Amino acid sequence: MKLFRSFKSLQNELYSSNFSCEELVDFYLKKINQSKNNSFVETFNDSALSQARAIDQEISVKKHRKLSGLIVAIKDNICYEGHGVTASSSILKGFKSVYSATVVRRLIEHGAIIIGRLNCDEFAMGSSNEKSTYGPVKNPIDPNKVPGGSSGGSAAAVSEGLCLVSLGSDTGGSIRQPAAFCGVIGLKPTYSRVSRYGLIAYASSFDQIGPIANNIEDIALVLEVISGKDRNDSTSSSLDVPNYTKLNPKRSNKKIAYLSECINHTGLDPEIRQNFLLKIDELKHQGFVVEPISFPLLDYLVATYYVLSTAEASSNLARFDGINYANRVSNVKDLNEAYVFSRNAGFGEEVKRRIMLGTFVLSSGYHDAYFTKAQKIRRKIRNTIEEVFKTYDYVLTPTTPHVAFNIGDVNTDPTQMYLEDIFTVLANLSGNPAISMPINNHSTGLPYGFQIMGRNFDEEGILSFSKNYF
């Protein structure tokens, strides 16, 4: 069986009886088993094959669903009833979810097959997928390189062809950055566009589930299915979901901004800068108005994000105490030891670092100096972006400052790893949708990405623009 990169081509052959859905799932399970890049932590053989047989039965009576035969894998922080979910952390080792995330339920209702769960940085805290109890994921383009994080397994699996589409979560760039490193497309929807019910929370005001795929059509199709109001998530938007799959034709009367501080940033790879400017010239020749704008708050983005996200993580991860649930150590003297020893044994170093940082910025005497001030800066950032979008339709930046780095290179300096989010975190602070489109002309042979950010709830616009001009 050939390797598919498009769901439409796969579904056409499936409906033409060139193979059965069960044969398709068996093909992917064998391919996953042969992979040495550690993107999957578990395959759901029994349930996936059972789903496939049900789809085959439907096809035999000409019943076709929107996603019939779509092979999907989910990040290991998205719940699927009766299946393991650990957020790639030892503290949840052996845990099985008692319910399904809304996104999982909607995918299955439309005929998708959930084939397994994907490796990630522990509790989605990382930018390289090295902070996992299951070990690092390797970039399928170069196994010596990181795939990015925290949704590194999600991006690597799609890039390697182990699934057609994956779901990741994006808190500060965790879909878009690994998508750029692995040469695939990653979308962070507008905050609230997709329900977070069933996503293990890292930072609740930032987290957003989104798809990773090889083409815009598959991104649009999955987004259309998983978006919309959910009574289980009070923060989910009640706005109607557009027909994302009906992408608009080419239009060159849009105005595009790019952030001069990003292009002039000292950490930006010179080749990425040069190719970005060439893309700007290309868009101008196609009739777009493309202008540089100043965004002086760039240097505040990462600090603001980490103050607020770690504060929320400190609160969200308090439930993993070995008492309510999560693994508990034995041979403790009292309740205090049970809490302390269980959390110390179960959490990795990066998670403990962020919990402590978050607890510190929320503590008495420091709350106003850090957390409250960061909230004010976040509001200023959002107001600034809203002003930009009164004039411009899209904001274009590189997704990352450089291509994928070697496994182990940045582990000695946590603050250097935090700077990996410098171009992506803006969309999480403001809540705007953003997509990373792969670019493949770096001299190293490694891909990188350009990011398109749009107005809130204008996923339709950025999908059409990306499809037609990238």
Protein backbone atom coordinates (compact mmCIF):
# COMPACT_ATOMS: atom_id res chain seq x y z
CA MET A 1 0.00 0.00 0.00
CA LYS A 2 1.33 3.45 -0.85
CA LEU A 3 1.92 6.25 1.64
CA PHE A 4 -0.85 8.85 1.47
CA ARG A 5 -0.28 12.56 2.06
CA SER A 6 -3.84 13.66 1.32
CA PHE A 7 -7.07 12.43 2.88
CA LYS A 8 -9.02 13.11 -0.31
CA SER A 9 -6.81 10.77 -2.34
CA LEU A 10 -6.98 8.13 0.38
CA GLN A 11 -10.75 8.33 0.65
CA ASN A 12 -11.19 8.10 -3.13
CA GLU A 13 -9.24 4.83 -3.20
CA LEU A 14 -11.04 3.54 -0.11
CA TYR A 15 -14.43 4.21 -1.71
CA SER A 16 -13.19 2.58 -4.93
CA SER A 17 -12.54 -0.64 -2.95
CA ASN A 18 -8.81 -0.60 -3.73
CA PHE A 19 -8.34 -1.65 -0.10
CA SER A 20 -10.43 -1.95 3.03
CA CYS A 21 -10.30 0.34 6.02
CA GLU A 22 -9.13 -2.58 8.13
CA GLU A 23 -6.22 -3.15 5.73
CA LEU A 24 -5.45 0.55 5.92
CA VAL A 25 -5.26 0.53 9.72
CA ASP A 26 -3.11 -2.60 9.65
CA PHE A 27 -0.74 -0.85 7.22
CA TYR A 28 -0.37 2.15 9.54
CA LEU A 29 0.08 0.01 12.65
CA LYS A 30 2.92 -1.89 10.97
CA LYS A 31 4.52 1.36 9.83
CA ILE A 32 4.32 2.80 13.35
CA ASN A 33 5.85 -0.38 14.76
CA GLN A 34 8.78 -0.08 12.32
CA SER A 35 9.48 3.56 13.16
CA LYS A 36 12.49 4.33 15.33
CA ASN A 37 11.71 8.00 16.00
CA ASN A 38 9.70 7.47 19.22
CA SER A 39 6.76 9.64 18.19
CA PHE A 40 4.12 7.15 19.43
CA VAL A 41 3.93 6.06 23.06
CA GLU A 42 1.02 3.67 22.45
CA THR A 43 -1.05 2.39 19.55
CA PHE A 44 -4.73 1.61 20.05
CA ASN A 45 -4.74 -1.60 18.01
CA ASP A 46 -8.00 -3.14 19.19
CA SER A 47 -10.18 -0.03 19.12
CA ALA A 48 -8.65 1.22 15.84
CA LEU A 49 -9.30 -2.09 14.08
CA SER A 50 -12.81 -2.22 15.54
CA GLN A 51 -13.49 1.29 14.23
CA ALA A 52 -12.09 0.26 10.84
CA ARG A 53 -14.40 -2.73 10.59
CA ALA A 54 -17.38 -0.52 11.40
CA ILE A 55 -16.35 1.92 8.66
CA ASP A 56 -15.97 -0.96 6.18
CA GLN A 57 -19.48 -2.11 7.02
CA GLU A 58 -20.83 1.39 6.41
CA ILE A 59 -18.98 1.73 3.11
CA SER A 60 -20.41 -1.61 1.94
CA VAL A 61 -23.91 -0.11 2.19
CA LYS A 62 -22.81 3.23 0.65
CA LYS A 63 -22.88 5.11 3.94
CA HIS A 64 -20.14 7.73 3.86
CA ARG A 65 -19.19 10.06 6.67
CA LYS A 66 -17.12 13.22 6.39
CA LEU A 67 -13.98 11.62 7.88
CA SER A 68 -14.52 7.95 7.01
CA GLY A 69 -11.08 6.34 7.02
CA LEU A 70 -9.09 9.32 8.31
CA ILE A 71 -6.19 8.01 10.41
CA VAL A 72 -5.67 10.37 13.35
CA ALA A 73 -3.28 10.27 16.30
CA ILE A 74 -3.67 12.39 19.42
CA LYS A 75 -1.17 14.07 21.70
CA ASP A 76 -0.71 12.32 25.03
CA ASN A 77 -2.57 15.04 26.91
CA ILE A 78 -5.92 14.54 25.14
CA CYS A 79 -8.33 12.10 26.81
CA TYR A 80 -9.89 9.11 25.05
CA GLU A 81 -12.26 6.98 27.11
CA GLY A 82 -10.81 3.63 28.13
CA HIS A 83 -7.38 4.49 26.75
CA GLY A 84 -4.16 5.58 28.39
CA VAL A 85 -3.28 9.24 28.83
CA THR A 86 -0.26 10.38 30.83
CA ALA A 87 0.81 13.81 29.53
CA SER A 88 4.13 11.96 29.08
CA SER A 89 4.68 12.11 32.84
CA SER A 90 5.57 9.41 35.34
CA ILE A 91 3.00 10.75 37.76
CA LEU A 92 0.19 9.47 35.50
CA LYS A 93 1.83 6.19 34.51
CA GLY A 94 -0.84 3.55 33.92
CA PHE A 95 -3.73 6.02 34.06
CA LYS A 96 -6.70 5.45 31.74
CA SER A 97 -9.21 8.13 30.93
CA VAL A 98 -12.83 7.66 32.01
CA TYR A 99 -14.18 9.97 29.31
CA SER A 100 -13.31 11.30 25.86
CA ALA A 101 -12.29 14.83 24.97
CA THR A 102 -14.86 16.67 22.88
CA VAL A 103 -12.44 16.78 19.94
CA VAL A 104 -11.98 13.01 20.07
CA ARG A 105 -15.71 12.38 20.30
CA ARG A 106 -16.41 14.65 17.32
CA LEU A 107 -13.71 13.03 15.20
CA ILE A 108 -15.04 9.54 15.88
CA GLU A 109 -18.64 10.63 15.20
CA HIS A 110 -17.55 11.72 11.72
CA GLY A 111 -15.72 8.47 10.95
CA ALA A 112 -12.12 9.18 11.95
CA ILE A 113 -10.01 6.37 13.41
CA ILE A 114 -7.88 7.18 16.47
CA ILE A 115 -4.79 5.04 16.00
CA GLY A 116 -2.74 5.98 19.06
CA ARG A 117 -1.30 8.60 21.39
CA LEU A 118 1.78 10.68 20.71
CA ASN A 119 4.84 11.59 22.71
CA CYS A 120 5.15 15.15 24.01
CA ASP A 121 7.08 17.24 26.49
CA GLU A 122 5.83 16.43 29.99
CA PHE A 123 2.55 18.26 30.63
CA ALA A 124 3.24 20.12 27.36
CA MET A 125 6.10 22.06 28.99
CA GLY A 126 8.93 22.29 26.50
CA SER A 127 10.02 23.28 23.01
CA SER A 128 12.02 20.23 21.94
CA ASN A 129 10.15 17.09 23.03
CA GLU A 130 13.09 16.04 25.16
CA LYS A 131 11.21 16.51 28.46
CA SER A 132 9.21 13.28 28.32
CA THR A 133 9.17 10.23 30.54
CA TYR A 134 9.22 8.19 27.31
CA GLY A 135 12.45 9.77 26.08
CA PRO A 136 13.00 12.30 23.27
CA VAL A 137 11.28 12.19 19.91
CA LYS A 138 13.62 12.26 16.90
CA ASN A 139 12.99 14.49 13.92
CA PRO A 140 12.18 12.15 11.00
CA ILE A 141 14.02 14.44 8.58
CA ASP A 142 17.23 14.14 10.64
CA PRO A 143 17.16 11.81 13.68
CA ASN A 144 19.93 13.81 15.35
CA LYS A 145 17.65 16.85 15.53
CA VAL A 146 14.74 17.64 17.82
CA PRO A 147 11.24 17.72 16.29
CA GLY A 148 10.27 20.77 18.37
CA GLY A 149 7.77 20.78 21.16
CA SER A 150 5.74 20.31 23.05
CA SER A 151 3.71 18.58 20.29
CA GLY A 152 6.84 17.05 18.81
CA GLY A 153 5.36 13.58 18.48
CA SER A 154 2.32 15.03 16.72
CA ALA A 155 4.43 16.84 14.12
CA ALA A 156 6.95 14.02 13.66
CA ALA A 157 4.23 11.39 13.15
CA VAL A 158 2.57 13.37 10.35
CA SER A 159 5.93 14.20 8.77
CA GLU A 160 6.97 10.53 8.77
CA GLY A 161 3.60 9.38 7.42
CA LEU A 162 2.54 7.43 10.52
CA CYS A 163 -0.87 9.12 10.44
CA LEU A 164 -2.59 11.52 8.08
CA VAL A 165 -3.54 14.08 10.72
CA SER A 166 -2.63 14.56 14.35
CA LEU A 167 -3.95 16.71 17.15
CA GLY A 168 -1.63 18.78 19.28
CA SER A 169 -2.08 21.47 21.89
CA ASP A 170 -0.62 24.95 21.63
CA THR A 171 0.09 26.99 24.77
CA GLY A 172 2.99 29.14 23.55
CA GLY A 173 3.69 27.74 20.10
CA SER A 174 3.57 24.01 20.75
CA ILE A 175 1.79 23.18 17.48
CA ARG A 176 3.43 25.70 15.17
CA GLN A 177 7.06 25.37 16.26
CA PRO A 178 7.28 21.57 15.83
CA ALA A 179 5.32 21.83 12.58
CA ALA A 180 8.00 24.22 11.30
CA PHE A 181 10.83 21.94 12.44
CA CYS A 182 9.25 18.86 10.82
CA GLY A 183 8.11 20.44 7.54
CA VAL A 184 4.34 20.13 8.02
CA ILE A 185 1.41 22.53 8.59
CA GLY A 186 0.27 23.37 12.11
CA LEU A 187 -2.70 25.54 13.10
CA LYS A 188 -3.46 27.16 16.44
CA PRO A 189 -7.11 28.22 16.26
CA THR A 190 -8.52 31.30 17.95
CA TYR A 191 -8.72 30.78 21.71
CA SER A 192 -12.18 29.27 22.41
CA ARG A 193 -12.79 28.17 18.81
CA VAL A 194 -12.11 24.54 19.81
CA SER A 195 -13.29 23.01 23.08
CA ARG A 196 -10.62 22.26 25.68
CA TYR A 197 -12.80 19.69 27.44
CA GLY A 198 -10.67 16.57 27.87
CA LEU A 199 -7.34 18.35 27.43
CA ILE A 200 -5.06 17.99 30.46
CA ALA A 201 -4.54 21.63 31.37
CA TYR A 202 -1.17 23.35 31.45
CA ALA A 203 -2.22 27.04 31.32
CA SER A 204 -5.96 27.34 30.88
CA SER A 205 -6.07 30.85 29.42
CA PHE A 206 -3.50 29.90 26.76
CA ASP A 207 -4.13 26.23 25.87
CA GLN A 208 -5.76 25.46 22.54
CA ILE A 209 -6.13 22.19 20.61
CA GLY A 210 -5.37 22.26 16.90
CA PRO A 211 -4.55 20.04 13.90
CA ILE A 212 -1.28 19.17 12.18
CA ALA A 213 -1.36 17.84 8.61
CA ASN A 214 0.39 17.79 5.24
CA ASN A 215 -2.00 20.10 3.41
CA ILE A 216 -4.46 22.91 4.01
CA GLU A 217 -7.48 20.87 2.90
CA ASP A 218 -6.96 18.32 5.67
CA ILE A 219 -6.37 21.07 8.24
CA ALA A 220 -9.61 22.80 7.16
CA LEU A 221 -11.63 19.58 7.23
CA VAL A 222 -10.53 18.57 10.73
CA LEU A 223 -10.94 22.11 12.07
CA GLU A 224 -14.49 22.18 10.74
CA VAL A 225 -15.31 19.00 12.66
CA ILE A 226 -13.68 19.81 16.00
CA SER A 227 -14.74 23.48 16.25
CA GLY A 228 -17.87 24.86 17.86
CA LYS A 229 -19.68 25.42 21.12
CA ASP A 230 -19.39 22.72 23.77
CA ARG A 231 -21.59 22.70 26.87
CA ASN A 232 -18.76 20.98 28.74
CA ASP A 233 -16.43 23.96 28.18
CA SER A 234 -17.86 27.29 29.32
CA THR A 235 -15.03 29.15 27.57
CA SER A 236 -15.84 27.68 24.15
CA SER A 237 -17.21 30.14 21.62
CA SER A 238 -20.86 30.03 20.56
CA LEU A 239 -20.09 31.61 17.18
CA ASP A 240 -21.17 29.60 14.16
CA VAL A 241 -18.50 27.44 12.54
CA PRO A 242 -17.85 28.42 8.91
CA ASN A 243 -17.45 25.89 6.13
CA TYR A 244 -13.66 25.95 6.24
CA THR A 245 -13.33 23.42 3.42
CA LYS A 246 -14.75 25.88 0.88
CA LEU A 247 -11.55 27.87 0.58
CA ASN A 248 -11.84 31.29 -1.04
CA PRO A 249 -10.22 31.96 -4.42
CA LYS A 250 -7.10 34.09 -4.74
CA ARG A 251 -7.47 37.70 -3.65
CA SER A 252 -4.61 40.19 -3.74
CA ASN A 253 -6.34 43.19 -2.18
CA LYS A 254 -5.37 42.25 1.35
CA LYS A 255 -2.98 44.22 3.52
CA ILE A 256 -0.18 42.36 5.28
CA ALA A 257 2.09 43.55 8.08
CA TYR A 258 5.35 42.07 9.24
CA LEU A 259 7.08 42.92 12.50
CA SER A 260 10.34 44.76 11.91
CA GLU A 261 11.62 43.72 15.36
CA CYS A 262 11.29 40.06 14.33
CA ILE A 263 13.18 40.49 11.07
CA ASN A 264 15.92 42.53 12.75
CA HIS A 265 16.19 40.18 15.73
CA THR A 266 19.80 39.20 16.40
CA GLY A 267 18.86 35.55 16.91
CA LEU A 268 17.18 35.14 13.51
CA ASP A 269 18.98 32.82 11.10
CA PRO A 270 20.35 34.93 8.20
CA GLU A 271 18.99 32.52 5.58
CA ILE A 272 15.51 32.60 7.11
CA ARG A 273 15.68 36.41 7.16
CA GLN A 274 16.76 36.55 3.51
CA ASN A 275 14.09 34.12 2.36
CA PHE A 276 11.45 35.91 4.41
CA LEU A 277 12.27 39.19 2.67
CA LEU A 278 12.12 37.41 -0.69
CA LYS A 279 8.64 36.17 0.23
CA ILE A 280 7.66 39.74 1.08
CA ASP A 281 8.80 40.87 -2.38
CA GLU A 282 6.89 38.00 -3.98
CA LEU A 283 3.67 38.97 -2.21
CA LYS A 284 4.13 42.60 -3.28
CA HIS A 285 4.50 41.50 -6.90
CA GLN A 286 1.26 39.53 -6.53
CA GLY A 287 -0.56 42.75 -5.67
CA PHE A 288 -0.54 42.75 -1.87
CA VAL A 289 0.26 45.76 0.25
CA VAL A 290 2.99 44.48 2.57
CA GLU A 291 4.45 46.86 5.13
CA PRO A 292 6.79 46.66 8.11
CA ILE A 293 5.35 47.77 11.44
CA SER A 294 7.01 48.30 14.78
CA PHE A 295 6.09 46.05 17.69
CA PRO A 296 8.20 47.34 20.59
CA LEU A 297 6.65 44.83 23.01
CA LEU A 298 8.49 41.88 21.40
CA ASP A 299 11.07 41.70 24.17
CA TYR A 300 8.29 41.47 26.79
CA LEU A 301 6.43 38.57 25.19
CA VAL A 302 8.39 35.60 26.54
CA ALA A 303 8.70 37.00 30.07
CA THR A 304 5.00 37.85 30.22
CA TYR A 305 4.05 34.44 28.91
CA TYR A 306 6.20 32.52 31.39
CA VAL A 307 5.03 34.52 34.41
CA LEU A 308 1.38 33.92 33.54
CA SER A 309 1.61 30.36 32.19
CA THR A 310 3.65 29.06 35.11
CA ALA A 311 1.24 30.68 37.57
CA GLU A 312 -1.64 28.85 35.90
CA ALA A 313 0.40 25.63 35.79
CA SER A 314 1.08 25.88 39.52
CA SER A 315 -2.66 25.94 40.11
CA ASN A 316 -3.65 23.36 37.49
CA LEU A 317 -1.05 20.78 38.52
CA ALA A 318 -1.91 20.99 42.22
CA ARG A 319 -4.45 18.19 41.65
CA PHE A 320 -1.68 15.69 40.84
CA ASP A 321 -0.89 14.88 44.45
CA GLY A 322 -1.08 11.11 44.78
CA ILE A 323 -4.21 11.46 46.93
CA ASN A 324 -7.05 12.46 44.60
CA TYR A 325 -5.42 10.62 41.73
CA ALA A 326 -1.99 10.12 40.13
CA ASN A 327 0.64 7.73 41.42
CA ARG A 328 1.47 7.75 45.12
CA VAL A 329 4.75 6.63 46.66
CA SER A 330 4.66 4.09 49.48
CA ASN A 331 6.37 4.01 52.89
CA VAL A 332 5.55 7.56 53.92
CA LYS A 333 5.16 8.73 57.52
CA ASP A 334 2.34 11.21 57.13
CA LEU A 335 0.11 13.08 54.71
CA ASN A 336 2.69 15.81 54.06
CA GLU A 337 5.30 13.25 53.02
CA ALA A 338 2.74 11.58 50.74
CA TYR A 339 2.20 14.87 48.91
CA VAL A 340 5.84 15.92 48.74
CA PHE A 341 7.38 12.55 47.85
CA SER A 342 4.70 11.63 45.31
CA ARG A 343 5.02 14.92 43.44
CA ASN A 344 8.81 14.92 43.64
CA ALA A 345 9.02 11.38 42.25
CA GLY A 346 6.31 11.85 39.62
CA PHE A 347 7.19 15.19 38.07
CA GLY A 348 10.23 15.81 35.90
CA GLU A 349 12.72 18.63 36.47
CA GLU A 350 11.18 21.06 33.98
CA VAL A 351 7.68 20.61 35.38
CA LYS A 352 8.95 21.15 38.93
CA ARG A 353 10.84 24.23 37.79
CA ARG A 354 7.71 25.78 36.30
CA ILE A 355 5.51 24.87 39.27
CA MET A 356 7.98 26.56 41.61
CA LEU A 357 8.24 29.63 39.40
CA GLY A 358 4.46 29.85 39.19
CA THR A 359 4.05 29.44 42.93
CA PHE A 360 6.62 32.18 43.49
CA VAL A 361 4.93 34.76 41.23
CA LEU A 362 1.60 34.07 42.96
CA SER A 363 3.00 34.26 46.48
CA SER A 364 2.25 37.01 48.94
CA GLY A 365 4.52 39.98 48.38
CA TYR A 366 5.29 39.09 44.77
CA HIS A 367 1.81 38.73 43.27
CA ASP A 368 1.50 42.41 42.32
CA ALA A 369 5.13 42.74 41.25
CA TYR A 370 4.96 39.84 38.78
CA PHE A 371 1.56 38.31 38.12
CA THR A 372 -0.54 41.48 38.18
CA LYS A 373 2.03 43.37 36.13
CA ALA A 374 2.18 40.55 33.58
CA GLN A 375 -1.62 40.63 33.26
CA LYS A 376 -1.45 44.36 32.51
CA ILE A 377 1.21 43.81 29.86
CA ARG A 378 -0.88 41.02 28.33
CA ARG A 379 -3.80 43.42 28.00
CA LYS A 380 -1.49 45.99 26.39
CA ILE A 381 -0.23 43.35 23.95
CA ARG A 382 -3.77 42.39 23.01
CA ASN A 383 -4.82 46.00 22.56
CA THR A 384 -1.79 46.63 20.35
CA ILE A 385 -2.57 43.65 18.12
CA GLU A 386 -6.22 44.66 17.85
CA GLU A 387 -5.08 48.06 16.59
CA VAL A 388 -2.84 46.37 14.02
CA PHE A 389 -5.75 44.31 12.71
CA LYS A 390 -7.84 47.42 12.22
CA THR A 391 -5.47 48.25 9.35
CA TYR A 392 -4.04 44.90 8.26
CA ASP A 393 -5.60 41.54 7.43
CA TYR A 394 -2.64 39.33 8.36
CA VAL A 395 0.61 39.55 10.30
CA LEU A 396 3.48 37.54 8.82
CA THR A 397 6.58 36.41 10.75
CA PRO A 398 9.02 33.51 10.73
CA THR A 399 7.67 30.71 12.92
CA THR A 400 11.02 30.08 14.59
CA PRO A 401 14.34 31.94 14.68
CA HIS A 402 16.21 28.95 13.21
CA VAL A 403 15.89 25.37 11.97
CA ALA A 404 15.79 22.34 14.28
CA PHE A 405 18.76 22.03 16.65
CA ASN A 406 20.59 18.91 17.81
CA ILE A 407 19.09 16.75 20.53
CA GLY A 408 20.71 17.80 23.82
CA ASP A 409 21.99 21.16 22.60
CA VAL A 410 19.78 23.49 24.67
CA ASN A 411 19.15 21.30 27.71
CA THR A 412 21.83 22.99 29.83
CA ASP A 413 20.14 26.42 29.73
CA PRO A 414 16.37 26.50 30.41
CA THR A 415 16.11 30.21 29.57
CA GLN A 416 17.54 29.58 26.12
CA MET A 417 14.83 26.96 25.55
CA TYR A 418 12.18 29.46 26.65
CA LEU A 419 13.31 31.85 23.90
CA GLU A 420 12.29 29.26 21.31
CA ASP A 421 8.75 30.68 21.69
CA ILE A 422 9.69 34.26 20.84
CA PHE A 423 7.79 34.47 17.52
CA THR A 424 4.90 32.13 18.32
CA VAL A 425 3.85 33.21 21.81
CA LEU A 426 2.26 36.46 20.64
CA ALA A 427 -0.75 34.60 19.22
CA ASN A 428 -1.28 32.83 22.55
CA LEU A 429 -1.05 36.02 24.58
CA SER A 430 -3.57 37.75 22.31
CA GLY A 431 -5.70 34.68 21.52
CA ASN A 432 -5.48 35.16 17.73
CA PRO A 433 -5.38 32.26 15.25
CA ALA A 434 -2.02 31.50 13.64
CA ILE A 435 -0.73 28.91 11.20
CA SER A 436 2.78 27.74 10.35
CA MET A 437 3.45 26.95 6.69
CA PRO A 438 6.51 24.84 5.80
CA ILE A 439 9.39 26.33 3.79
CA ASN A 440 12.02 23.97 2.38
CA ASN A 441 14.92 25.96 0.96
CA HIS A 442 17.43 26.14 3.83
CA SER A 443 21.01 25.16 2.98
CA THR A 444 21.05 22.59 5.81
CA GLY A 445 18.25 20.66 4.10
CA LEU A 446 16.07 21.18 7.18
CA PRO A 447 12.65 22.84 6.90
CA TYR A 448 11.47 25.92 8.73
CA GLY A 449 8.19 27.82 8.69
CA PHE A 450 6.53 31.15 8.07
CA GLN A 451 3.68 32.08 10.40
CA ILE A 452 0.47 33.83 9.36
CA MET A 453 -1.58 35.34 12.17
CA GLY A 454 -5.09 36.63 11.54
CA ARG A 455 -7.98 38.39 13.23
CA ASN A 456 -9.86 36.49 15.91
CA PHE A 457 -12.09 33.79 14.39
CA ASP A 458 -10.72 34.42 10.87
CA GLU A 459 -9.33 30.91 10.45
CA GLU A 460 -11.16 30.88 7.12
CA GLY A 461 -9.06 33.82 5.95
CA ILE A 462 -5.67 32.50 7.00
CA LEU A 463 -6.45 29.05 5.58
CA SER A 464 -7.39 30.54 2.19
CA PHE A 465 -4.40 32.89 2.15
CA SER A 466 -2.04 30.03 3.10
CA LYS A 467 -3.49 27.72 0.47
CA ASN A 468 -3.27 30.26 -2.33
CA TYR A 469 0.04 31.96 -1.63
CA PHE A 470 2.29 29.43 0.14
